[in-house]
Amino acid sequence: MYKLIPFLLFLLLGCSSKNKIEKNLTANALHSKIYKAVNKNYLDNADDLFLALEAQHPGSIYIKTDLLILYLAHLNQEEYELAKFYLNQYEKRYAGIEEIPWCEYQKIKIDFLSYK
């Protein structure tokens, strides 16, 4: 029993530091971290950082840009469901009348690419 306690403590400490997102960062700092994570191909980290950006700065001007960055990053990695999710979020929130045909075309393209 006493040998199990250090193992559990080590396990809990190890799991708690994974994917730790800094709090109280500016919107610009989070945007920069998203951009760097995408460039390094750490898309899971970029997704977590984007969620932090939305939670901490819901009116940020960077959300629009980051939605498109994450859409393209997931599309390049052939993660079509996530790419479509980010594109849908962009279309719902920010797409003007001129951009809606482009968004619809991109969705058709995603469906075509995901079909095997």
PDB file of N, CA and C in Angstrom:
ATOM      1  N   MET A   1       0.821  -1.192   0.000  1.00  0.00           N
ATOM      2  CA  MET A   1       0.000   0.000   0.000  1.00  0.00           C
ATOM      3  C   MET A   1       0.865   1.257   0.000  1.00  0.00           C
ATOM      4  N   TYR A   2       1.928   1.263   0.839  1.00  0.00           N
ATOM      5  CA  TYR A   2       2.770   2.450   0.934  1.00  0.00           C
ATOM      6  C   TYR A   2       3.607   2.642  -0.317  1.00  0.00           C
ATOM      7  N   LYS A   3       3.848   1.590  -1.075  1.00  0.00           N
ATOM      8  CA  LYS A   3       4.592   1.711  -2.324  1.00  0.00           C
ATOM      9  C   LYS A   3       3.722   2.318  -3.423  1.00  0.00           C
ATOM     10  N   LEU A   4       2.444   2.212  -3.279  1.00  0.00           N
ATOM     11  CA  LEU A   4       1.511   2.730  -4.272  1.00  0.00           C
ATOM     12  C   LEU A   4       1.331   4.246  -4.162  1.00  0.00           C
ATOM     13  N   ILE A   5       1.473   4.793  -2.982  1.00  0.00           N
ATOM     14  CA  ILE A   5       1.263   6.234  -2.761  1.00  0.00           C
ATOM     15  C   ILE A   5       2.263   7.080  -3.559  1.00  0.00           C
ATOM     16  N   PRO A   6       3.564   6.801  -3.538  1.00  0.00           N
ATOM     17  CA  PRO A   6       4.478   7.626  -4.349  1.00  0.00           C
ATOM     18  C   PRO A   6       4.203   7.509  -5.848  1.00  0.00           C
ATOM     19  N   PHE A   7       3.804   6.327  -6.274  1.00  0.00           N
ATOM     20  CA  PHE A   7       3.480   6.152  -7.682  1.00  0.00           C
ATOM     21  C   PHE A   7       2.279   7.006  -8.084  1.00  0.00           C
ATOM     22  N   LEU A   8       1.227   7.008  -7.264  1.00  0.00           N
ATOM     23  CA  LEU A   8       0.049   7.828  -7.557  1.00  0.00           C
ATOM     24  C   LEU A   8       0.376   9.315  -7.518  1.00  0.00           C
ATOM     25  N   LEU A   9       1.203   9.716  -6.560  1.00  0.00           N
ATOM     26  CA  LEU A   9       1.606  11.112  -6.471  1.00  0.00           C
ATOM     27  C   LEU A   9       2.392  11.520  -7.717  1.00  0.00           C
ATOM     28  N   PHE A  10       3.310  10.669  -8.139  1.00  0.00           N
ATOM     29  CA  PHE A  10       4.094  10.936  -9.349  1.00  0.00           C
ATOM     30  C   PHE A  10       3.174  11.009 -10.569  1.00  0.00           C
ATOM     31  N   LEU A  11       2.207  10.129 -10.652  1.00  0.00           N
ATOM     32  CA  LEU A  11       1.272  10.118 -11.762  1.00  0.00           C
ATOM     33  C   LEU A  11       0.436  11.393 -11.800  1.00  0.00           C
ATOM     34  N   LEU A  12      -0.071  11.814 -10.657  1.00  0.00           N
ATOM     35  CA  LEU A  12      -0.884  13.030 -10.602  1.00  0.00           C
ATOM     36  C   LEU A  12      -0.073  14.265 -10.943  1.00  0.00           C
ATOM     37  N   LEU A  13       1.147  14.354 -10.460  1.00  0.00           N
ATOM     38  CA  LEU A  13       1.987  15.504 -10.770  1.00  0.00           C
ATOM     39  C   LEU A  13       2.372  15.532 -12.243  1.00  0.00           C
ATOM     40  N   GLY A  14       2.609  14.365 -12.798  1.00  0.00           N
ATOM     41  CA  GLY A  14       2.957  14.300 -14.216  1.00  0.00           C
ATOM     42  C   GLY A  14       1.800  14.682 -15.115  1.00  0.00           C
ATOM     43  N   CYS A  15       0.614  14.279 -14.762  1.00  0.00           N
ATOM     44  CA  CYS A  15      -0.557  14.588 -15.585  1.00  0.00           C
ATOM     45  C   CYS A  15      -0.994  16.036 -15.437  1.00  0.00           C
ATOM     46  N   SER A  16      -0.742  16.631 -14.309  1.00  0.00           N
ATOM     47  CA  SER A  16      -1.212  17.991 -14.096  1.00  0.00           C
ATOM     48  C   SER A  16      -0.446  19.014 -14.907  1.00  0.00           C
ATOM     49  N   SER A  17       0.793  18.719 -15.291  1.00  0.00           N
ATOM     50  CA  SER A  17       1.585  19.696 -16.030  1.00  0.00           C
ATOM     51  C   SER A  17       1.385  19.601 -17.530  1.00  0.00           C
ATOM     52  N   LYS A  18       0.759  18.558 -18.017  1.00  0.00           N
ATOM     53  CA  LYS A  18       0.543  18.418 -19.449  1.00  0.00           C
ATOM     54  C   LYS A  18      -0.510  19.404 -19.930  1.00  0.00           C
ATOM     55  N   ASN A  19      -0.251  19.983 -21.095  1.00  0.00           N
ATOM     56  CA  ASN A  19      -1.185  20.887 -21.756  1.00  0.00           C
ATOM     57  C   ASN A  19      -1.653  22.019 -20.836  1.00  0.00           C
ATOM     58  N   LYS A  20      -0.745  22.498 -20.015  1.00  0.00           N
ATOM     59  CA  LYS A  20      -1.099  23.598 -19.125  1.00  0.00           C
ATOM     60  C   LYS A  20      -1.113  24.893 -19.933  1.00  0.00           C
ATOM     61  N   ILE A  21      -2.220  25.563 -19.920  1.00  0.00           N
ATOM     62  CA  ILE A  21      -2.376  26.820 -20.649  1.00  0.00           C
ATOM     63  C   ILE A  21      -2.207  27.955 -19.649  1.00  0.00           C
ATOM     64  N   GLU A  22      -1.360  28.904 -20.027  1.00  0.00           N
ATOM     65  CA  GLU A  22      -1.145  30.042 -19.147  1.00  0.00           C
ATOM     66  C   GLU A  22      -2.410  30.894 -19.087  1.00  0.00           C
ATOM     67  N   LYS A  23      -2.679  31.390 -17.916  1.00  0.00           N
ATOM     68  CA  LYS A  23      -3.839  32.255 -17.744  1.00  0.00           C
ATOM     69  C   LYS A  23      -3.376  33.700 -17.679  1.00  0.00           C
ATOM     70  N   ASN A  24      -4.307  34.581 -17.898  1.00  0.00           N
ATOM     71  CA  ASN A  24      -4.076  36.016 -17.814  1.00  0.00           C
ATOM     72  C   ASN A  24      -3.072  36.518 -18.848  1.00  0.00           C
ATOM     73  N   LEU A  25      -3.025  35.894 -19.999  1.00  0.00           N
ATOM     74  CA  LEU A  25      -2.215  36.398 -21.099  1.00  0.00           C
ATOM     75  C   LEU A  25      -3.059  37.357 -21.925  1.00  0.00           C
ATOM     76  N   THR A  26      -2.403  38.268 -22.592  1.00  0.00           N
ATOM     77  CA  THR A  26      -3.133  39.167 -23.474  1.00  0.00           C
ATOM     78  C   THR A  26      -3.607  38.401 -24.701  1.00  0.00           C
ATOM     79  N   ALA A  27      -4.539  38.976 -25.413  1.00  0.00           N
ATOM     80  CA  ALA A  27      -5.035  38.343 -26.632  1.00  0.00           C
ATOM     81  C   ALA A  27      -3.920  38.225 -27.657  1.00  0.00           C
ATOM     82  N   ASN A  28      -3.063  39.223 -27.737  1.00  0.00           N
ATOM     83  CA  ASN A  28      -1.948  39.186 -28.679  1.00  0.00           C
ATOM     84  C   ASN A  28      -0.971  38.063 -28.335  1.00  0.00           C
ATOM     85  N   ALA A  29      -0.711  37.856 -27.048  1.00  0.00           N
ATOM     86  CA  ALA A  29       0.195  36.789 -26.629  1.00  0.00           C
ATOM     87  C   ALA A  29      -0.386  35.415 -26.969  1.00  0.00           C
ATOM     88  N   LEU A  30      -1.674  35.239 -26.730  1.00  0.00           N
ATOM     89  CA  LEU A  30      -2.308  33.959 -27.080  1.00  0.00           C
ATOM     90  C   LEU A  30      -2.303  33.745 -28.592  1.00  0.00           C
ATOM     91  N   HIS A  31      -2.571  34.799 -29.345  1.00  0.00           N
ATOM     92  CA  HIS A  31      -2.539  34.709 -30.805  1.00  0.00           C
ATOM     93  C   HIS A  31      -1.141  34.304 -31.288  1.00  0.00           C
ATOM     94  N   SER A  32      -0.118  34.882 -30.702  1.00  0.00           N
ATOM     95  CA  SER A  32       1.258  34.537 -31.072  1.00  0.00           C
ATOM     96  C   SER A  32       1.571  33.085 -30.749  1.00  0.00           C
ATOM     97  N   LYS A  33       1.095  32.625 -29.600  1.00  0.00           N
ATOM     98  CA  LYS A  33       1.322  31.227 -29.225  1.00  0.00           C
ATOM     99  C   LYS A  33       0.579  30.270 -30.159  1.00  0.00           C
ATOM    100  N   ILE A  34      -0.619  30.640 -30.579  1.00  0.00           N
ATOM    101  CA  ILE A  34      -1.362  29.813 -31.541  1.00  0.00           C
ATOM    102  C   ILE A  34      -0.586  29.725 -32.845  1.00  0.00           C
ATOM    103  N   TYR A  35      -0.109  30.862 -33.313  1.00  0.00           N
ATOM    104  CA  TYR A  35       0.641  30.906 -34.568  1.00  0.00           C
ATOM    105  C   TYR A  35       1.905  30.048 -34.480  1.00  0.00           C
ATOM    106  N   LYS A  36       2.625  30.148 -33.365  1.00  0.00           N
ATOM    107  CA  LYS A  36       3.838  29.348 -33.187  1.00  0.00           C
ATOM    108  C   LYS A  36       3.511  27.858 -33.096  1.00  0.00           C
ATOM    109  N   ALA A  37       2.442  27.514 -32.410  1.00  0.00           N
ATOM    110  CA  ALA A  37       2.055  26.101 -32.288  1.00  0.00           C
ATOM    111  C   ALA A  37       1.678  25.529 -33.646  1.00  0.00           C
ATOM    112  N   VAL A  38       0.989  26.304 -34.459  1.00  0.00           N
ATOM    113  CA  VAL A  38       0.620  25.830 -35.798  1.00  0.00           C
ATOM    114  C   VAL A  38       1.869  25.667 -36.653  1.00  0.00           C
ATOM    115  N   ASN A  39       2.791  26.600 -36.559  1.00  0.00           N
ATOM    116  CA  ASN A  39       4.030  26.502 -37.330  1.00  0.00           C
ATOM    117  C   ASN A  39       4.861  25.285 -36.938  1.00  0.00           C
ATOM    118  N   LYS A  40       4.802  24.913 -35.665  1.00  0.00           N
ATOM    119  CA  LYS A  40       5.531  23.732 -35.201  1.00  0.00           C
ATOM    120  C   LYS A  40       4.705  22.459 -35.367  1.00  0.00           C
ATOM    121  N   ASN A  41       3.502  22.600 -35.900  1.00  0.00           N
ATOM    122  CA  ASN A  41       2.592  21.484 -36.155  1.00  0.00           C
ATOM    123  C   ASN A  41       2.069  20.848 -34.860  1.00  0.00           C
ATOM    124  N   TYR A  42       1.934  21.627 -33.801  1.00  0.00           N
ATOM    125  CA  TYR A  42       1.331  21.180 -32.549  1.00  0.00           C
ATOM    126  C   TYR A  42      -0.126  21.631 -32.545  1.00  0.00           C
ATOM    127  N   LEU A  43      -0.938  20.964 -33.337  1.00  0.00           N
ATOM    128  CA  LEU A  43      -2.309  21.433 -33.525  1.00  0.00           C
ATOM    129  C   LEU A  43      -3.179  21.233 -32.289  1.00  0.00           C
ATOM    130  N   ASP A  44      -2.915  20.196 -31.507  1.00  0.00           N
ATOM    131  CA  ASP A  44      -3.687  20.014 -30.275  1.00  0.00           C
ATOM    132  C   ASP A  44      -3.433  21.169 -29.317  1.00  0.00           C
ATOM    133  N   ASN A  45      -2.183  21.581 -29.218  1.00  0.00           N
ATOM    134  CA  ASN A  45      -1.844  22.717 -28.374  1.00  0.00           C
ATOM    135  C   ASN A  45      -2.472  23.998 -28.920  1.00  0.00           C
ATOM    136  N   ALA A  46      -2.452  24.158 -30.238  1.00  0.00           N
ATOM    137  CA  ALA A  46      -3.058  25.336 -30.858  1.00  0.00           C
ATOM    138  C   ALA A  46      -4.562  25.375 -30.590  1.00  0.00           C
ATOM    139  N   ASP A  47      -5.214  24.221 -30.647  1.00  0.00           N
ATOM    140  CA  ASP A  47      -6.652  24.166 -30.340  1.00  0.00           C
ATOM    141  C   ASP A  47      -6.926  24.586 -28.903  1.00  0.00           C
ATOM    142  N   ASP A  48      -6.098  24.101 -27.973  1.00  0.00           N
ATOM    143  CA  ASP A  48      -6.267  24.473 -26.563  1.00  0.00           C
ATOM    144  C   ASP A  48      -6.034  25.966 -26.352  1.00  0.00           C
ATOM    145  N   LEU A  49      -5.028  26.493 -27.023  1.00  0.00           N
ATOM    146  CA  LEU A  49      -4.753  27.925 -26.907  1.00  0.00           C
ATOM    147  C   LEU A  49      -5.900  28.750 -27.486  1.00  0.00           C
ATOM    148  N   PHE A  50      -6.498  28.267 -28.574  1.00  0.00           N
ATOM    149  CA  PHE A  50      -7.628  28.981 -29.156  1.00  0.00           C
ATOM    150  C   PHE A  50      -8.816  29.003 -28.204  1.00  0.00           C
ATOM    151  N   LEU A  51      -9.055  27.876 -27.535  1.00  0.00           N
ATOM    152  CA  LEU A  51     -10.130  27.837 -26.542  1.00  0.00           C
ATOM    153  C   LEU A  51      -9.853  28.822 -25.409  1.00  0.00           C
ATOM    154  N   ALA A  52      -8.588  28.923 -25.008  1.00  0.00           N
ATOM    155  CA  ALA A  52      -8.232  29.893 -23.967  1.00  0.00           C
ATOM    156  C   ALA A  52      -8.447  31.317 -24.463  1.00  0.00           C
ATOM    157  N   LEU A  53      -8.115  31.576 -25.727  1.00  0.00           N
ATOM    158  CA  LEU A  53      -8.331  32.901 -26.299  1.00  0.00           C
ATOM    159  C   LEU A  53      -9.813  33.252 -26.288  1.00  0.00           C
ATOM    160  N   GLU A  54     -10.652  32.320 -26.713  1.00  0.00           N
ATOM    161  CA  GLU A  54     -12.092  32.577 -26.718  1.00  0.00           C
ATOM    162  C   GLU A  54     -12.636  32.789 -25.305  1.00  0.00           C
ATOM    163  N   ALA A  55     -12.127  32.029 -24.355  1.00  0.00           N
ATOM    164  CA  ALA A  55     -12.633  32.133 -22.986  1.00  0.00           C
ATOM    165  C   ALA A  55     -12.176  33.419 -22.305  1.00  0.00           C
ATOM    166  N   GLN A  56     -10.923  33.789 -22.506  1.00  0.00           N
ATOM    167  CA  GLN A  56     -10.375  34.941 -21.799  1.00  0.00           C
ATOM    168  C   GLN A  56     -10.641  36.259 -22.510  1.00  0.00           C
ATOM    169  N   HIS A  57     -10.740  36.222 -23.834  1.00  0.00           N
ATOM    170  CA  HIS A  57     -10.916  37.452 -24.624  1.00  0.00           C
ATOM    171  C   HIS A  57     -11.990  37.224 -25.698  1.00  0.00           C
ATOM    172  N   PRO A  58     -13.250  37.118 -25.317  1.00  0.00           N
ATOM    173  CA  PRO A  58     -14.292  36.772 -26.288  1.00  0.00           C
ATOM    174  C   PRO A  58     -14.500  37.799 -27.391  1.00  0.00           C
ATOM    175  N   GLY A  59     -14.092  39.018 -27.198  1.00  0.00           N
ATOM    176  CA  GLY A  59     -14.269  40.044 -28.223  1.00  0.00           C
ATOM    177  C   GLY A  59     -12.993  40.355 -28.980  1.00  0.00           C
ATOM    178  N   SER A  60     -12.025  39.457 -28.919  1.00  0.00           N
ATOM    179  CA  SER A  60     -10.721  39.723 -29.521  1.00  0.00           C
ATOM    180  C   SER A  60     -10.799  39.784 -31.042  1.00  0.00           C
ATOM    181  N   ILE A  61      -9.989  40.660 -31.613  1.00  0.00           N
ATOM    182  CA  ILE A  61      -9.922  40.757 -33.071  1.00  0.00           C
ATOM    183  C   ILE A  61      -9.155  39.589 -33.668  1.00  0.00           C
ATOM    184  N   TYR A  62      -8.423  38.834 -32.848  1.00  0.00           N
ATOM    185  CA  TYR A  62      -7.613  37.735 -33.349  1.00  0.00           C
ATOM    186  C   TYR A  62      -8.414  36.458 -33.570  1.00  0.00           C
ATOM    187  N   ILE A  63      -9.601  36.370 -33.035  1.00  0.00           N
ATOM    188  CA  ILE A  63     -10.388  35.140 -33.165  1.00  0.00           C
ATOM    189  C   ILE A  63     -10.695  34.859 -34.626  1.00  0.00           C
ATOM    190  N   LYS A  64     -11.057  35.872 -35.380  1.00  0.00           N
ATOM    191  CA  LYS A  64     -11.381  35.694 -36.795  1.00  0.00           C
ATOM    192  C   LYS A  64     -10.186  35.117 -37.554  1.00  0.00           C
ATOM    193  N   THR A  65      -9.028  35.690 -37.347  1.00  0.00           N
ATOM    194  CA  THR A  65      -7.818  35.220 -38.024  1.00  0.00           C
ATOM    195  C   THR A  65      -7.441  33.815 -37.579  1.00  0.00           C
ATOM    196  N   ASP A  66      -7.541  33.569 -36.284  1.00  0.00           N
ATOM    197  CA  ASP A  66      -7.154  32.258 -35.769  1.00  0.00           C
ATOM    198  C   ASP A  66      -8.087  31.149 -36.222  1.00  0.00           C
ATOM    199  N   LEU A  67      -9.354  31.457 -36.431  1.00  0.00           N
ATOM    200  CA  LEU A  67     -10.269  30.454 -36.978  1.00  0.00           C
ATOM    201  C   LEU A  67      -9.796  30.013 -38.360  1.00  0.00           C
ATOM    202  N   LEU A  68      -9.404  30.959 -39.187  1.00  0.00           N
ATOM    203  CA  LEU A  68      -8.923  30.612 -40.528  1.00  0.00           C
ATOM    204  C   LEU A  68      -7.574  29.895 -40.482  1.00  0.00           C
ATOM    205  N   ILE A  69      -6.696  30.318 -39.581  1.00  0.00           N
ATOM    206  CA  ILE A  69      -5.405  29.651 -39.437  1.00  0.00           C
ATOM    207  C   ILE A  69      -5.607  28.195 -39.035  1.00  0.00           C
ATOM    208  N   LEU A  70      -6.474  27.962 -38.055  1.00  0.00           N
ATOM    209  CA  LEU A  70      -6.715  26.594 -37.603  1.00  0.00           C
ATOM    210  C   LEU A  70      -7.444  25.772 -38.653  1.00  0.00           C
ATOM    211  N   TYR A  71      -8.341  26.398 -39.405  1.00  0.00           N
ATOM    212  CA  TYR A  71      -9.008  25.706 -40.507  1.00  0.00           C
ATOM    213  C   TYR A  71      -7.967  25.194 -41.505  1.00  0.00           C
ATOM    214  N   LEU A  72      -7.073  26.070 -41.935  1.00  0.00           N
ATOM    215  CA  LEU A  72      -6.071  25.681 -42.925  1.00  0.00           C
ATOM    216  C   LEU A  72      -5.072  24.662 -42.375  1.00  0.00           C
ATOM    217  N   ALA A  73      -4.701  24.816 -41.108  1.00  0.00           N
ATOM    218  CA  ALA A  73      -3.752  23.880 -40.507  1.00  0.00           C
ATOM    219  C   ALA A  73      -4.331  22.471 -40.428  1.00  0.00           C
ATOM    220  N   HIS A  74      -5.589  22.373 -40.006  1.00  0.00           N
ATOM    221  CA  HIS A  74      -6.215  21.048 -39.926  1.00  0.00           C
ATOM    222  C   HIS A  74      -6.485  20.479 -41.313  1.00  0.00           C
ATOM    223  N   LEU A  75      -6.781  21.321 -42.265  1.00  0.00           N
ATOM    224  CA  LEU A  75      -6.973  20.856 -43.635  1.00  0.00           C
ATOM    225  C   LEU A  75      -5.672  20.285 -44.195  1.00  0.00           C
ATOM    226  N   ASN A  76      -4.553  20.953 -43.927  1.00  0.00           N
ATOM    227  CA  ASN A  76      -3.258  20.467 -44.402  1.00  0.00           C
ATOM    228  C   ASN A  76      -2.856  19.150 -43.754  1.00  0.00           C
ATOM    229  N   GLN A  77      -3.321  18.912 -42.534  1.00  0.00           N
ATOM    230  CA  GLN A  77      -3.024  17.666 -41.835  1.00  0.00           C
ATOM    231  C   GLN A  77      -4.073  16.582 -42.106  1.00  0.00           C
ATOM    232  N   GLU A  78      -4.973  16.860 -43.018  1.00  0.00           N
ATOM    233  CA  GLU A  78      -6.047  15.940 -43.404  1.00  0.00           C
ATOM    234  C   GLU A  78      -6.951  15.594 -42.224  1.00  0.00           C
ATOM    235  N   GLU A  79      -7.116  16.529 -41.320  1.00  0.00           N
ATOM    236  CA  GLU A  79      -8.073  16.398 -40.218  1.00  0.00           C
ATOM    237  C   GLU A  79      -9.318  17.173 -40.642  1.00  0.00           C
ATOM    238  N   TYR A  80     -10.110  16.533 -41.487  1.00  0.00           N
ATOM    239  CA  TYR A  80     -11.185  17.220 -42.193  1.00  0.00           C
ATOM    240  C   TYR A  80     -12.333  17.640 -41.292  1.00  0.00           C
ATOM    241  N   GLU A  81     -12.649  16.845 -40.289  1.00  0.00           N
ATOM    242  CA  GLU A  81     -13.750  17.199 -39.395  1.00  0.00           C
ATOM    243  C   GLU A  81     -13.426  18.477 -38.619  1.00  0.00           C
ATOM    244  N   LEU A  82     -12.217  18.563 -38.109  1.00  0.00           N
ATOM    245  CA  LEU A  82     -11.832  19.769 -37.375  1.00  0.00           C
ATOM    246  C   LEU A  82     -11.726  20.970 -38.307  1.00  0.00           C
ATOM    247  N   ALA A  83     -11.226  20.751 -39.501  1.00  0.00           N
ATOM    248  CA  ALA A  83     -11.148  21.846 -40.472  1.00  0.00           C
ATOM    249  C   ALA A  83     -12.544  22.382 -40.772  1.00  0.00           C
ATOM    250  N   LYS A  84     -13.479  21.476 -40.965  1.00  0.00           N
ATOM    251  CA  LYS A  84     -14.851  21.894 -41.247  1.00  0.00           C
ATOM    252  C   LYS A  84     -15.477  22.594 -40.046  1.00  0.00           C
ATOM    253  N   PHE A  85     -15.145  22.135 -38.842  1.00  0.00           N
ATOM    254  CA  PHE A  85     -15.647  22.787 -37.637  1.00  0.00           C
ATOM    255  C   PHE A  85     -15.189  24.246 -37.575  1.00  0.00           C
ATOM    256  N   TYR A  86     -13.908  24.477 -37.777  1.00  0.00           N
ATOM    257  CA  TYR A  86     -13.390  25.846 -37.716  1.00  0.00           C
ATOM    258  C   TYR A  86     -13.952  26.705 -38.854  1.00  0.00           C
ATOM    259  N   LEU A  87     -14.131  26.116 -40.015  1.00  0.00           N
ATOM    260  CA  LEU A  87     -14.726  26.864 -41.121  1.00  0.00           C
ATOM    261  C   LEU A  87     -16.179  27.221 -40.817  1.00  0.00           C
ATOM    262  N   ASN A  88     -16.927  26.295 -40.239  1.00  0.00           N
ATOM    263  CA  ASN A  88     -18.312  26.591 -39.851  1.00  0.00           C
ATOM    264  C   ASN A  88     -18.375  27.703 -38.820  1.00  0.00           C
ATOM    265  N   GLN A  89     -17.459  27.676 -37.844  1.00  0.00           N
ATOM    266  CA  GLN A  89     -17.429  28.730 -36.839  1.00  0.00           C
ATOM    267  C   GLN A  89     -17.115  30.080 -37.472  1.00  0.00           C
ATOM    268  N   TYR A  90     -16.190  30.079 -38.417  1.00  0.00           N
ATOM    269  CA  TYR A  90     -15.853  31.323 -39.116  1.00  0.00           C
ATOM    270  C   TYR A  90     -17.062  31.844 -39.892  1.00  0.00           C
ATOM    271  N   GLU A  91     -17.739  30.934 -40.593  1.00  0.00           N
ATOM    272  CA  GLU A  91     -18.891  31.343 -41.401  1.00  0.00           C
ATOM    273  C   GLU A  91     -20.015  31.899 -40.527  1.00  0.00           C
ATOM    274  N   LYS A  92     -20.299  31.244 -39.416  1.00  0.00           N
ATOM    275  CA  LYS A  92     -21.375  31.693 -38.532  1.00  0.00           C
ATOM    276  C   LYS A  92     -21.094  33.067 -37.928  1.00  0.00           C
ATOM    277  N   ARG A  93     -19.856  33.303 -37.552  1.00  0.00           N
ATOM    278  CA  ARG A  93     -19.524  34.512 -36.809  1.00  0.00           C
ATOM    279  C   ARG A  93     -19.111  35.694 -37.683  1.00  0.00           C
ATOM    280  N   TYR A  94     -18.322  35.434 -38.720  1.00  0.00           N
ATOM    281  CA  TYR A  94     -17.633  36.537 -39.377  1.00  0.00           C
ATOM    282  C   TYR A  94     -17.870  36.663 -40.877  1.00  0.00           C
ATOM    283  N   ALA A  95     -18.375  35.645 -41.526  1.00  0.00           N
ATOM    284  CA  ALA A  95     -18.478  35.688 -42.982  1.00  0.00           C
ATOM    285  C   ALA A  95     -19.555  36.678 -43.419  1.00  0.00           C
ATOM    286  N   GLY A  96     -19.171  37.548 -44.326  1.00  0.00           N
ATOM    287  CA  GLY A  96     -20.131  38.457 -44.928  1.00  0.00           C
ATOM    288  C   GLY A  96     -20.805  37.775 -46.110  1.00  0.00           C
ATOM    289  N   ILE A  97     -21.687  38.486 -46.740  1.00  0.00           N
ATOM    290  CA  ILE A  97     -22.417  37.918 -47.877  1.00  0.00           C
ATOM    291  C   ILE A  97     -21.459  37.511 -48.999  1.00  0.00           C
ATOM    292  N   GLU A  98     -20.386  38.283 -49.160  1.00  0.00           N
ATOM    293  CA  GLU A  98     -19.436  37.971 -50.225  1.00  0.00           C
ATOM    294  C   GLU A  98     -18.643  36.694 -49.929  1.00  0.00           C
ATOM    295  N   GLU A  99     -18.441  36.371 -48.663  1.00  0.00           N
ATOM    296  CA  GLU A  99     -17.605  35.229 -48.280  1.00  0.00           C
ATOM    297  C   GLU A  99     -18.371  33.913 -48.168  1.00  0.00           C
ATOM    298  N   ILE A 100     -19.680  33.964 -48.094  1.00  0.00           N
ATOM    299  CA  ILE A 100     -20.459  32.741 -47.913  1.00  0.00           C
ATOM    300  C   ILE A 100     -20.270  31.757 -49.073  1.00  0.00           C
ATOM    301  N   PRO A 101     -20.261  32.187 -50.333  1.00  0.00           N
ATOM    302  CA  PRO A 101     -19.995  31.211 -51.407  1.00  0.00           C
ATOM    303  C   PRO A 101     -18.616  30.556 -51.288  1.00  0.00           C
ATOM    304  N   TRP A 102     -17.622  31.335 -50.854  1.00  0.00           N
ATOM    305  CA  TRP A 102     -16.287  30.762 -50.659  1.00  0.00           C
ATOM    306  C   TRP A 102     -16.310  29.701 -49.563  1.00  0.00           C
ATOM    307  N   CYS A 103     -17.005  29.983 -48.466  1.00  0.00           N
ATOM    308  CA  CYS A 103     -17.108  29.016 -47.370  1.00  0.00           C
ATOM    309  C   CYS A 103     -17.821  27.749 -47.814  1.00  0.00           C
ATOM    310  N   GLU A 104     -18.886  27.912 -48.570  1.00  0.00           N
ATOM    311  CA  GLU A 104     -19.616  26.739 -49.059  1.00  0.00           C
ATOM    312  C   GLU A 104     -18.756  25.914 -50.008  1.00  0.00           C
ATOM    313  N   TYR A 105     -18.000  26.586 -50.861  1.00  0.00           N
ATOM    314  CA  TYR A 105     -17.087  25.879 -51.763  1.00  0.00           C
ATOM    315  C   TYR A 105     -16.036  25.109 -50.970  1.00  0.00           C
ATOM    316  N   GLN A 106     -15.501  25.719 -49.910  1.00  0.00           N
ATOM    317  CA  GLN A 106     -14.501  25.049 -49.087  1.00  0.00           C
ATOM    318  C   GLN A 106     -15.088  23.823 -48.388  1.00  0.00           C
ATOM    319  N   LYS A 107     -16.342  23.907 -47.980  1.00  0.00           N
ATOM    320  CA  LYS A 107     -16.990  22.748 -47.357  1.00  0.00           C
ATOM    321  C   LYS A 107     -17.150  21.606 -48.353  1.00  0.00           C
ATOM    322  N   ILE A 108     -17.508  21.939 -49.582  1.00  0.00           N
ATOM    323  CA  ILE A 108     -17.616  20.913 -50.623  1.00  0.00           C
ATOM    324  C   ILE A 108     -16.243  20.295 -50.885  1.00  0.00           C
ATOM    325  N   LYS A 109     -15.236  21.135 -50.905  1.00  0.00           N
ATOM    326  CA  LYS A 109     -13.863  20.663 -51.102  1.00  0.00           C
ATOM    327  C   LYS A 109     -13.447  19.718 -49.977  1.00  0.00           C
ATOM    328  N   ILE A 110     -13.784  20.067 -48.731  1.00  0.00           N
ATOM    329  CA  ILE A 110     -13.467  19.208 -47.589  1.00  0.00           C
ATOM    330  C   ILE A 110     -14.172  17.867 -47.724  1.00  0.00           C
ATOM    331  N   ASP A 111     -15.463  17.905 -48.087  1.00  0.00           N
ATOM    332  CA  ASP A 111     -16.200  16.657 -48.265  1.00  0.00           C
ATOM    333  C   ASP A 111     -15.581  15.802 -49.363  1.00  0.00           C
ATOM    334  N   PHE A 112     -15.147  16.426 -50.441  1.00  0.00           N
ATOM    335  CA  PHE A 112     -14.516  15.696 -51.533  1.00  0.00           C
ATOM    336  C   PHE A 112     -13.193  15.091 -51.080  1.00  0.00           C
ATOM    337  N   LEU A 113     -12.390  15.850 -50.367  1.00  0.00           N
ATOM    338  CA  LEU A 113     -11.087  15.355 -49.928  1.00  0.00           C
ATOM    339  C   LEU A 113     -11.220  14.249 -48.879  1.00  0.00           C
ATOM    340  N   SER A 114     -12.261  14.340 -48.055  1.00  0.00           N
ATOM    341  CA  SER A 114     -12.439  13.329 -47.012  1.00  0.00           C
ATOM    342  C   SER A 114     -13.023  12.026 -47.555  1.00  0.00           C
ATOM    343  N   TYR A 115     -13.584  12.092 -48.739  1.00  0.00           N
ATOM    344  CA  TYR A 115     -14.174  10.878 -49.329  1.00  0.00           C
ATOM    345  C   TYR A 115     -13.046  10.001 -49.840  1.00  0.00           C
ATOM    346  N   LYS A 116     -13.042   8.757 -49.413  1.00  0.00           N
ATOM    347  CA  LYS A 116     -11.985   7.823 -49.841  1.00  0.00           C
ATOM    348  C   LYS A 116     -12.615   6.654 -50.531  1.00  0.00           C
TER     349      LYS A 116
END
